[in-house]
Amino acid sequence: MSVIPILIVASLTMALLFLGAFIWSVRSGQFDDTTTPSMRVLADEPKLKKTAREAGDETAPDPAGGKP
């Protein structure tokens, strides 16, 4: 039975630490922009580097197995 007060104090300390971390994150602006991340999924990805064949490199191997 003597362990119960220790567990209560430990759980209250942990709860206060999590509350402090949450308040700190809200004040530092972690939750300011909630719209942009959901819209970023819908945006088109920028085109990556062109393949060697699209860039006009005639020495690049043909993906179909033919000669360049």
Foldseek 3Di string as FASTA:
>chain_A
DVCVVVVVVVVVVVVVVVVVVVVVCVVVPVPVDPDVVVVVVVDDDDDDDDDCVVVPNQCDADPVRDHD
